[in-house]
Amino acid sequence: GTGLAAGLGLAVKHVQVPASLAASIAAPALGDFAVLL
């Protein structure tokens, strides 16, 4: 599938990955745990 999209230059959505793995970590804030009530 990737080869077909690249070979024909198809305008399709691609996976977006942050340049830094640390940037993709979204630790919940303390206040977010209130939802468990």
Full PDB file with SEQRES, HELIX, SHEET, SSBOND, CRYST1, ORIGX, SCALE, CONECT and MASTER records, all heavy atoms in Angstrom:
SEQRES   1 A   37  GLY THR GLY LEU ALA ALA GLY LEU GLY LEU ALA VAL LYS          
SEQRES   2 A   37  HIS VAL GLN VAL PRO ALA SER LEU ALA ALA SER ILE ALA          
SEQRES   3 A   37  ALA PRO ALA LEU GLY ASP PHE ALA VAL LEU LEU                  
HELIX    1 AA1 THR A    2  LEU A    8  1                                   7    
HELIX    2 AA2 LEU A   21  SER A   24  5                                   4    
HELIX    3 AA3 LEU A   30  LEU A   36  5                                   7    
CRYST1    1.000    1.000    1.000  90.00  90.00  90.00 P 1           1          
ORIGX1      1.000000  0.000000  0.000000        0.00000                         
ORIGX2      0.000000  1.000000  0.000000        0.00000                         
ORIGX3      0.000000  0.000000  1.000000        0.00000                         
SCALE1      1.000000  0.000000  0.000000        0.00000                         
SCALE2      0.000000  1.000000  0.000000        0.00000                         
SCALE3      0.000000  0.000000  1.000000        0.00000                         
ATOM      1  N   GLY A   1       0.817  -1.215   0.000  1.00  0.00           N  
ATOM      2  CA  GLY A   1       0.000   0.000   0.000  1.00  0.00           C  
ATOM      3  C   GLY A   1       0.846   1.258   0.000  1.00  0.00           C  
ATOM      4  O   GLY A   1       0.546   2.230  -0.717  1.00  0.00           O  
ATOM      5  N   THR A   2       1.932   1.248   0.777  1.00  0.00           N  
ATOM      6  CA  THR A   2       2.827   2.412   0.830  1.00  0.00           C  
ATOM      7  C   THR A   2       3.515   2.625  -0.507  1.00  0.00           C  
ATOM      8  O   THR A   2       3.654   3.766  -0.987  1.00  0.00           O  
ATOM      9  CB  THR A   2       3.873   2.219   1.940  1.00  0.00           C  
ATOM     10  OG1 THR A   2       3.199   2.025   3.186  1.00  0.00           O  
ATOM     11  CG2 THR A   2       4.784   3.424   2.052  1.00  0.00           C  
ATOM     12  N   GLY A   3       3.938   1.519  -1.124  1.00  0.00           N  
ATOM     13  CA  GLY A   3       4.600   1.614  -2.425  1.00  0.00           C  
ATOM     14  C   GLY A   3       3.679   2.174  -3.493  1.00  0.00           C  
ATOM     15  O   GLY A   3       4.098   2.983  -4.333  1.00  0.00           O  
ATOM     16  N   LEU A   4       2.402   1.758  -3.487  1.00  0.00           N  
ATOM     17  CA  LEU A   4       1.441   2.269  -4.466  1.00  0.00           C  
ATOM     18  C   LEU A   4       1.240   3.768  -4.274  1.00  0.00           C  
ATOM     19  O   LEU A   4       1.252   4.540  -5.253  1.00  0.00           O  
ATOM     20  CB  LEU A   4       0.115   1.533  -4.324  1.00  0.00           C  
ATOM     21  CG  LEU A   4      -1.002   1.998  -5.270  1.00  0.00           C  
ATOM     22  CD1 LEU A   4      -0.653   1.665  -6.718  1.00  0.00           C  
ATOM     23  CD2 LEU A   4      -2.339   1.349  -4.897  1.00  0.00           C  
ATOM     24  N   ALA A   5       1.058   4.190  -3.016  1.00  0.00           N  
ATOM     25  CA  ALA A   5       0.834   5.616  -2.757  1.00  0.00           C  
ATOM     26  C   ALA A   5       2.035   6.457  -3.161  1.00  0.00           C  
ATOM     27  O   ALA A   5       1.893   7.533  -3.762  1.00  0.00           O  
ATOM     28  CB  ALA A   5       0.512   5.826  -1.278  1.00  0.00           C  
ATOM     29  N   ALA A   6       3.248   5.966  -2.841  1.00  0.00           N  
ATOM     30  CA  ALA A   6       4.461   6.718  -3.172  1.00  0.00           C  
ATOM     31  C   ALA A   6       4.730   6.699  -4.672  1.00  0.00           C  
ATOM     32  O   ALA A   6       5.103   7.728  -5.263  1.00  0.00           O  
ATOM     33  CB  ALA A   6       5.648   6.142  -2.409  1.00  0.00           C  
ATOM     34  N   GLY A   7       4.529   5.537  -5.307  1.00  0.00           N  
ATOM     35  CA  GLY A   7       4.831   5.410  -6.731  1.00  0.00           C  
ATOM     36  C   GLY A   7       3.953   6.285  -7.602  1.00  0.00           C  
ATOM     37  O   GLY A   7       4.417   6.832  -8.607  1.00  0.00           O  
ATOM     38  N   LEU A   8       2.674   6.410  -7.216  1.00  0.00           N  
ATOM     39  CA  LEU A   8       1.755   7.218  -8.020  1.00  0.00           C  
ATOM     40  C   LEU A   8       1.579   8.620  -7.465  1.00  0.00           C  
ATOM     41  O   LEU A   8       0.834   9.419  -8.033  1.00  0.00           O  
ATOM     42  CB  LEU A   8       0.385   6.520  -8.098  1.00  0.00           C  
ATOM     43  CG  LEU A   8       0.352   5.153  -8.793  1.00  0.00           C  
ATOM     44  CD1 LEU A   8      -1.064   4.590  -8.788  1.00  0.00           C  
ATOM     45  CD2 LEU A   8       0.872   5.250 -10.226  1.00  0.00           C  
ATOM     46  N   GLY A   9       2.244   8.908  -6.355  1.00  0.00           N  
ATOM     47  CA  GLY A   9       2.112  10.236  -5.753  1.00  0.00           C  
ATOM     48  C   GLY A   9       0.689  10.542  -5.333  1.00  0.00           C  
ATOM     49  O   GLY A   9       0.201  11.668  -5.516  1.00  0.00           O  
ATOM     50  N   LEU A  10       0.000   9.548  -4.747  1.00  0.00           N  
ATOM     51  CA  LEU A  10      -1.416   9.717  -4.401  1.00  0.00           C  
ATOM     52  C   LEU A  10      -1.578  10.634  -3.190  1.00  0.00           C  
ATOM     53  O   LEU A  10      -0.824  10.547  -2.225  1.00  0.00           O  
ATOM     54  CB  LEU A  10      -2.040   8.352  -4.106  1.00  0.00           C  
ATOM     55  CG  LEU A  10      -1.996   7.340  -5.259  1.00  0.00           C  
ATOM     56  CD1 LEU A  10      -2.635   6.027  -4.828  1.00  0.00           C  
ATOM     57  CD2 LEU A  10      -2.706   7.890  -6.497  1.00  0.00           C  
ATOM     58  N   ALA A  11      -2.591  11.472  -3.258  1.00  0.00           N  
ATOM     59  CA  ALA A  11      -2.859  12.423  -2.178  1.00  0.00           C  
ATOM     60  C   ALA A  11      -3.739  11.753  -1.123  1.00  0.00           C  
ATOM     61  O   ALA A  11      -4.966  11.865  -1.140  1.00  0.00           O  
ATOM     62  CB  ALA A  11      -3.541  13.671  -2.728  1.00  0.00           C  
ATOM     63  N   VAL A  12      -3.125  11.010  -0.217  1.00  0.00           N  
ATOM     64  CA  VAL A  12      -3.850  10.319   0.855  1.00  0.00           C  
ATOM     65  C   VAL A  12      -3.259  10.736   2.191  1.00  0.00           C  
ATOM     66  O   VAL A  12      -2.135  11.238   2.267  1.00  0.00           O  
ATOM     67  CB  VAL A  12      -3.762   8.781   0.692  1.00  0.00           C  
ATOM     68  CG1 VAL A  12      -4.480   8.333  -0.570  1.00  0.00           C  
ATOM     69  CG2 VAL A  12      -2.317   8.310   0.672  1.00  0.00           C  
ATOM     70  N   LYS A  13      -4.013  10.518   3.251  1.00  0.00           N  
ATOM     71  CA  LYS A  13      -3.539  10.835   4.591  1.00  0.00           C  
ATOM     72  C   LYS A  13      -2.465   9.846   5.016  1.00  0.00           C  
ATOM     73  O   LYS A  13      -2.569   8.647   4.746  1.00  0.00           O  
ATOM     74  CB  LYS A  13      -4.695  10.790   5.593  1.00  0.00           C  
ATOM     75  CG  LYS A  13      -5.766  11.840   5.356  1.00  0.00           C  
ATOM     76  CD  LYS A  13      -6.895  11.678   6.374  1.00  0.00           C  
ATOM     77  CE  LYS A  13      -8.011  12.700   6.117  1.00  0.00           C  
ATOM     78  NZ  LYS A  13      -9.158  12.492   7.051  1.00  0.00           N  
ATOM     79  N   HIS A  14      -1.447  10.352   5.688  1.00  0.00           N  
ATOM     80  CA  HIS A  14      -0.366   9.513   6.190  1.00  0.00           C  
ATOM     81  C   HIS A  14      -0.318   9.553   7.712  1.00  0.00           C  
ATOM     82  O   HIS A  14      -0.897  10.445   8.345  1.00  0.00           O  
ATOM     83  CB  HIS A  14       0.983   9.981   5.619  1.00  0.00           C  
ATOM     84  CG  HIS A  14       1.170   9.641   4.175  1.00  0.00           C  
ATOM     85  ND1 HIS A  14       0.506  10.307   3.169  1.00  0.00           N  
ATOM     86  CD2 HIS A  14       1.941   8.706   3.556  1.00  0.00           C  
ATOM     87  CE1 HIS A  14       0.861   9.809   1.991  1.00  0.00           C  
ATOM     88  NE2 HIS A  14       1.726   8.829   2.200  1.00  0.00           N  
ATOM     89  N   VAL A  15       0.374   8.591   8.285  1.00  0.00           N  
ATOM     90  CA  VAL A  15       0.568   8.541   9.729  1.00  0.00           C  
ATOM     91  C   VAL A  15       1.374   9.761  10.177  1.00  0.00           C  
ATOM     92  O   VAL A  15       2.348  10.145   9.525  1.00  0.00           O  
ATOM     93  CB  VAL A  15       1.315   7.244  10.136  1.00  0.00           C  
ATOM     94  CG1 VAL A  15       1.693   7.264  11.608  1.00  0.00           C  
ATOM     95  CG2 VAL A  15       0.458   6.031   9.822  1.00  0.00           C  
ATOM     96  N   GLN A  16       0.953  10.355  11.272  1.00  0.00           N  
ATOM     97  CA  GLN A  16       1.687  11.479  11.849  1.00  0.00           C  
ATOM     98  C   GLN A  16       2.362  11.017  13.136  1.00  0.00           C  
ATOM     99  O   GLN A  16       1.702  10.553  14.057  1.00  0.00           O  
ATOM    100  CB  GLN A  16       0.738  12.640  12.139  1.00  0.00           C  
ATOM    101  CG  GLN A  16       0.066  13.209  10.894  1.00  0.00           C  
ATOM    102  CD  GLN A  16       1.064  13.829   9.934  1.00  0.00           C  
ATOM    103  OE1 GLN A  16       1.967  14.566  10.335  1.00  0.00           O  
ATOM    104  NE2 GLN A  16       0.912  13.529   8.643  1.00  0.00           N  
ATOM    105  N   VAL A  17       3.678  11.125  13.189  1.00  0.00           N  
ATOM    106  CA  VAL A  17       4.442  10.707  14.363  1.00  0.00           C  
ATOM    107  C   VAL A  17       5.271  11.898  14.839  1.00  0.00           C  
ATOM    108  O   VAL A  17       5.969  12.525  14.032  1.00  0.00           O  
ATOM    109  CB  VAL A  17       5.372   9.520  14.037  1.00  0.00           C  
ATOM    110  CG1 VAL A  17       6.143   9.093  15.275  1.00  0.00           C  
ATOM    111  CG2 VAL A  17       4.568   8.349  13.488  1.00  0.00           C  
ATOM    112  N   PRO A  18       5.226  12.233  16.129  1.00  0.00           N  
ATOM    113  CA  PRO A  18       6.034  13.358  16.626  1.00  0.00           C  
ATOM    114  C   PRO A  18       7.525  13.114  16.411  1.00  0.00           C  
ATOM    115  O   PRO A  18       7.991  11.967  16.432  1.00  0.00           O  
ATOM    116  CB  PRO A  18       5.694  13.397  18.116  1.00  0.00           C  
ATOM    117  CG  PRO A  18       4.397  12.692  18.248  1.00  0.00           C  
ATOM    118  CD  PRO A  18       4.393  11.642  17.180  1.00  0.00           C  
ATOM    119  N   ALA A  19       8.249  14.187  16.190  1.00  0.00           N  
ATOM    120  CA  ALA A  19       9.694  14.062  15.992  1.00  0.00           C  
ATOM    121  C   ALA A  19      10.381  13.496  17.225  1.00  0.00           C  
ATOM    122  O   ALA A  19      11.413  12.840  17.140  1.00  0.00           O  
ATOM    123  CB  ALA A  19      10.289  15.421  15.632  1.00  0.00           C  
ATOM    124  N   SER A  20       9.816  13.738  18.399  1.00  0.00           N  
ATOM    125  CA  SER A  20      10.369  13.227  19.649  1.00  0.00           C  
ATOM    126  C   SER A  20       9.332  12.339  20.336  1.00  0.00           C  
ATOM    127  O   SER A  20       8.158  12.714  20.447  1.00  0.00           O  
ATOM    128  CB  SER A  20      10.744  14.385  20.588  1.00  0.00           C  
ATOM    129  OG  SER A  20      10.984  13.925  21.898  1.00  0.00           O  
ATOM    130  N   LEU A  21       9.759  11.150  20.758  1.00  0.00           N  
ATOM    131  CA  LEU A  21       8.842  10.245  21.447  1.00  0.00           C  
ATOM    132  C   LEU A  21       8.329  10.885  22.731  1.00  0.00           C  
ATOM    133  O   LEU A  21       7.161  10.703  23.099  1.00  0.00           O  
ATOM    134  CB  LEU A  21       9.553   8.926  21.767  1.00  0.00           C  
ATOM    135  CG  LEU A  21       8.697   7.839  22.414  1.00  0.00           C  
ATOM    136  CD1 LEU A  21       7.561   7.423  21.498  1.00  0.00           C  
ATOM    137  CD2 LEU A  21       9.551   6.630  22.784  1.00  0.00           C  
ATOM    138  N   ALA A  22       9.179  11.641  23.404  1.00  0.00           N  
ATOM    139  CA  ALA A  22       8.760  12.298  24.646  1.00  0.00           C  
ATOM    140  C   ALA A  22       7.601  13.258  24.396  1.00  0.00           C  
ATOM    141  O   ALA A  22       6.739  13.452  25.269  1.00  0.00           O  
ATOM    142  CB  ALA A  22       9.942  13.029  25.273  1.00  0.00           C  
ATOM    143  N   ALA A  23       7.566  13.850  23.200  1.00  0.00           N  
ATOM    144  CA  ALA A  23       6.501  14.801  22.885  1.00  0.00           C  
ATOM    145  C   ALA A  23       5.145  14.126  22.754  1.00  0.00           C  
ATOM    146  O   ALA A  23       4.105  14.787  22.842  1.00  0.00           O  
ATOM    147  CB  ALA A  23       6.835  15.533  21.583  1.00  0.00           C  
ATOM    148  N   SER A  24       5.140  12.809  22.540  1.00  0.00           N  
ATOM    149  CA  SER A  24       3.877  12.095  22.371  1.00  0.00           C  
ATOM    150  C   SER A  24       3.320  11.581  23.696  1.00  0.00           C  
ATOM    151  O   SER A  24       2.220  11.045  23.742  1.00  0.00           O  
ATOM    152  CB  SER A  24       4.070  10.915  21.420  1.00  0.00           C  
ATOM    153  OG  SER A  24       4.992   9.983  21.949  1.00  0.00           O  
ATOM    154  N   ILE A  25       4.091  11.736  24.773  1.00  0.00           N  
ATOM    155  CA  ILE A  25       3.619  11.304  26.093  1.00  0.00           C  
ATOM    156  C   ILE A  25       2.723  12.388  26.684  1.00  0.00           C  
ATOM    157  O   ILE A  25       3.120  13.544  26.792  1.00  0.00           O  
ATOM    158  CB  ILE A  25       4.804  11.020  27.034  1.00  0.00           C  
ATOM    159  CG1 ILE A  25       5.612   9.820  26.502  1.00  0.00           C  
ATOM    160  CG2 ILE A  25       4.324  10.755  28.448  1.00  0.00           C  
ATOM    161  CD1 ILE A  25       6.872   9.536  27.280  1.00  0.00           C  
ATOM    162  N   ALA A  26       1.509  11.998  27.027  1.00  0.00           N  
ATOM    163  CA  ALA A  26       0.537  12.960  27.578  1.00  0.00           C  
ATOM    164  C   ALA A  26       0.073  12.441  28.930  1.00  0.00           C  
ATOM    165  O   ALA A  26      -1.003  11.845  29.050  1.00  0.00           O  
ATOM    166  CB  ALA A  26      -0.633  13.129  26.621  1.00  0.00           C  
ATOM    167  N   ALA A  27       0.887  12.635  29.945  1.00  0.00           N  
ATOM    168  CA  ALA A  27       0.550  12.153  31.279  1.00  0.00           C  
ATOM    169  C   ALA A  27      -0.661  12.919  31.820  1.00  0.00           C  
ATOM    170  O   ALA A  27      -0.739  14.144  31.678  1.00  0.00           O  
ATOM    171  CB  ALA A  27       1.743  12.337  32.213  1.00  0.00           C  
ATOM    172  N   PRO A  28      -1.621  12.216  32.403  1.00  0.00           N  
ATOM    173  CA  PRO A  28      -2.787  12.922  32.952  1.00  0.00           C  
ATOM    174  C   PRO A  28      -2.398  13.800  34.135  1.00  0.00           C  
ATOM    175  O   PRO A  28      -1.536  13.429  34.949  1.00  0.00           O  
ATOM    176  CB  PRO A  28      -3.706  11.775  33.395  1.00  0.00           C  
ATOM    177  CG  PRO A  28      -2.809  10.598  33.570  1.00  0.00           C  
ATOM    178  CD  PRO A  28      -1.696  10.760  32.590  1.00  0.00           C  
ATOM    179  N   ALA A  29      -3.013  14.965  34.222  1.00  0.00           N  
ATOM    180  CA  ALA A  29      -2.795  15.850  35.370  1.00  0.00           C  
ATOM    181  C   ALA A  29      -3.560  15.311  36.571  1.00  0.00           C  
ATOM    182  O   ALA A  29      -4.483  14.503  36.442  1.00  0.00           O  
ATOM    183  CB  ALA A  29      -3.259  17.263  35.031  1.00  0.00           C  
ATOM    184  N   LEU A  30      -3.172  15.762  37.745  1.00  0.00           N  
ATOM    185  CA  LEU A  30      -3.798  15.280  38.972  1.00  0.00           C  
ATOM    186  C   LEU A  30      -5.304  15.532  38.951  1.00  0.00           C  
ATOM    187  O   LEU A  30      -6.105  14.685  39.377  1.00  0.00           O  
ATOM    188  CB  LEU A  30      -3.160  15.965  40.186  1.00  0.00           C  
ATOM    189  CG  LEU A  30      -3.559  15.418  41.560  1.00  0.00           C  
ATOM    190  CD1 LEU A  30      -3.179  13.945  41.683  1.00  0.00           C  
ATOM    191  CD2 LEU A  30      -2.907  16.237  42.673  1.00  0.00           C  
ATOM    192  N   GLY A  31      -5.694  16.679  38.424  1.00  0.00           N  
ATOM    193  CA  GLY A  31      -7.121  17.010  38.370  1.00  0.00           C  
ATOM    194  C   GLY A  31      -7.916  16.110  37.441  1.00  0.00           C  
ATOM    195  O   GLY A  31      -9.135  15.965  37.599  1.00  0.00           O  
ATOM    196  N   ASP A  32      -7.225  15.478  36.452  1.00  0.00           N  
ATOM    197  CA  ASP A  32      -7.934  14.604  35.513  1.00  0.00           C  
ATOM    198  C   ASP A  32      -8.498  13.367  36.200  1.00  0.00           C  
ATOM    199  O   ASP A  32      -9.438  12.744  35.692  1.00  0.00           O  
ATOM    200  CB  ASP A  32      -6.996  14.177  34.377  1.00  0.00           C  
ATOM    201  CG  ASP A  32      -6.589  15.341  33.487  1.00  0.00           C  
ATOM    202  OD1 ASP A  32      -7.356  16.327  33.427  1.00  0.00           O  
ATOM    203  OD2 ASP A  32      -5.514  15.273  32.856  1.00  0.00           O  
ATOM    204  N   PHE A  33      -7.899  12.973  37.335  1.00  0.00           N  
ATOM    205  CA  PHE A  33      -8.352  11.766  38.022  1.00  0.00           C  
ATOM    206  C   PHE A  33      -9.697  11.968  38.719  1.00  0.00           C  
ATOM    207  O   PHE A  33     -10.304  10.995  39.185  1.00  0.00           O  
ATOM    208  CB  PHE A  33      -7.297  11.305  39.034  1.00  0.00           C  
ATOM    209  CG  PHE A  33      -6.095  10.673  38.394  1.00  0.00           C  
ATOM    210  CD1 PHE A  33      -5.004  11.452  38.012  1.00  0.00           C  
ATOM    211  CD2 PHE A  33      -6.059   9.319  38.155  1.00  0.00           C  
ATOM    212  CE1 PHE A  33      -3.896  10.881  37.410  1.00  0.00           C  
ATOM    213  CE2 PHE A  33      -4.960   8.726  37.556  1.00  0.00           C  
ATOM    214  CZ  PHE A  33      -3.875   9.500  37.179  1.00  0.00           C  
ATOM    215  N   ALA A  34     -10.176  13.209  38.770  1.00  0.00           N  
ATOM    216  CA  ALA A  34     -11.491  13.467  39.370  1.00  0.00           C  
ATOM    217  C   ALA A  34     -12.598  12.766  38.602  1.00  0.00           C  
ATOM    218  O   ALA A  34     -13.675  12.491  39.148  1.00  0.00           O  
ATOM    219  CB  ALA A  34     -11.754  14.978  39.423  1.00  0.00           C  
ATOM    220  N   VAL A  35     -12.328  12.435  37.338  1.00  0.00           N  
ATOM    221  CA  VAL A  35     -13.338  11.759  36.533  1.00  0.00           C  
ATOM    222  C   VAL A  35     -13.697  10.400  37.120  1.00  0.00           C  
ATOM    223  O   VAL A  35     -14.802   9.878  36.916  1.00  0.00           O  
ATOM    224  CB  VAL A  35     -12.830  11.616  35.070  1.00  0.00           C  
ATOM    225  CG1 VAL A  35     -11.728  10.568  34.978  1.00  0.00           C  
ATOM    226  CG2 VAL A  35     -13.965  11.260  34.129  1.00  0.00           C  
ATOM    227  N   LEU A  36     -12.780   9.815  37.899  1.00  0.00           N  
ATOM    228  CA  LEU A  36     -13.022   8.494  38.485  1.00  0.00           C  
ATOM    229  C   LEU A  36     -14.044   8.539  39.618  1.00  0.00           C  
ATOM    230  O   LEU A  36     -14.470   7.493  40.121  1.00  0.00           O  
ATOM    231  CB  LEU A  36     -11.712   7.893  39.005  1.00  0.00           C  
ATOM    232  CG  LEU A  36     -10.656   7.587  37.933  1.00  0.00           C  
ATOM    233  CD1 LEU A  36      -9.376   7.081  38.579  1.00  0.00           C  
ATOM    234  CD2 LEU A  36     -11.191   6.558  36.936  1.00  0.00           C  
ATOM    235  N   LEU A  37     -14.433   9.731  40.037  1.00  0.00           N  
ATOM    236  CA  LEU A  37     -15.468   9.849  41.058  1.00  0.00           C  
ATOM    237  C   LEU A  37     -16.844   9.502  40.502  1.00  0.00           C  
ATOM    238  O   LEU A  37     -17.785   9.281  41.266  1.00  0.00           O  
ATOM    239  CB  LEU A  37     -15.485  11.272  41.631  1.00  0.00           C  
ATOM    240  CG  LEU A  37     -14.206  11.702  42.361  1.00  0.00           C  
ATOM    241  CD1 LEU A  37     -14.302  13.165  42.783  1.00  0.00           C  
ATOM    242  CD2 LEU A  37     -13.952  10.806  43.573  1.00  0.00           C  
TER     243      LEU A  37                                                      
MASTER        0    0    0    3    0    0    0    6  242    1    0    3          
END                                                                             
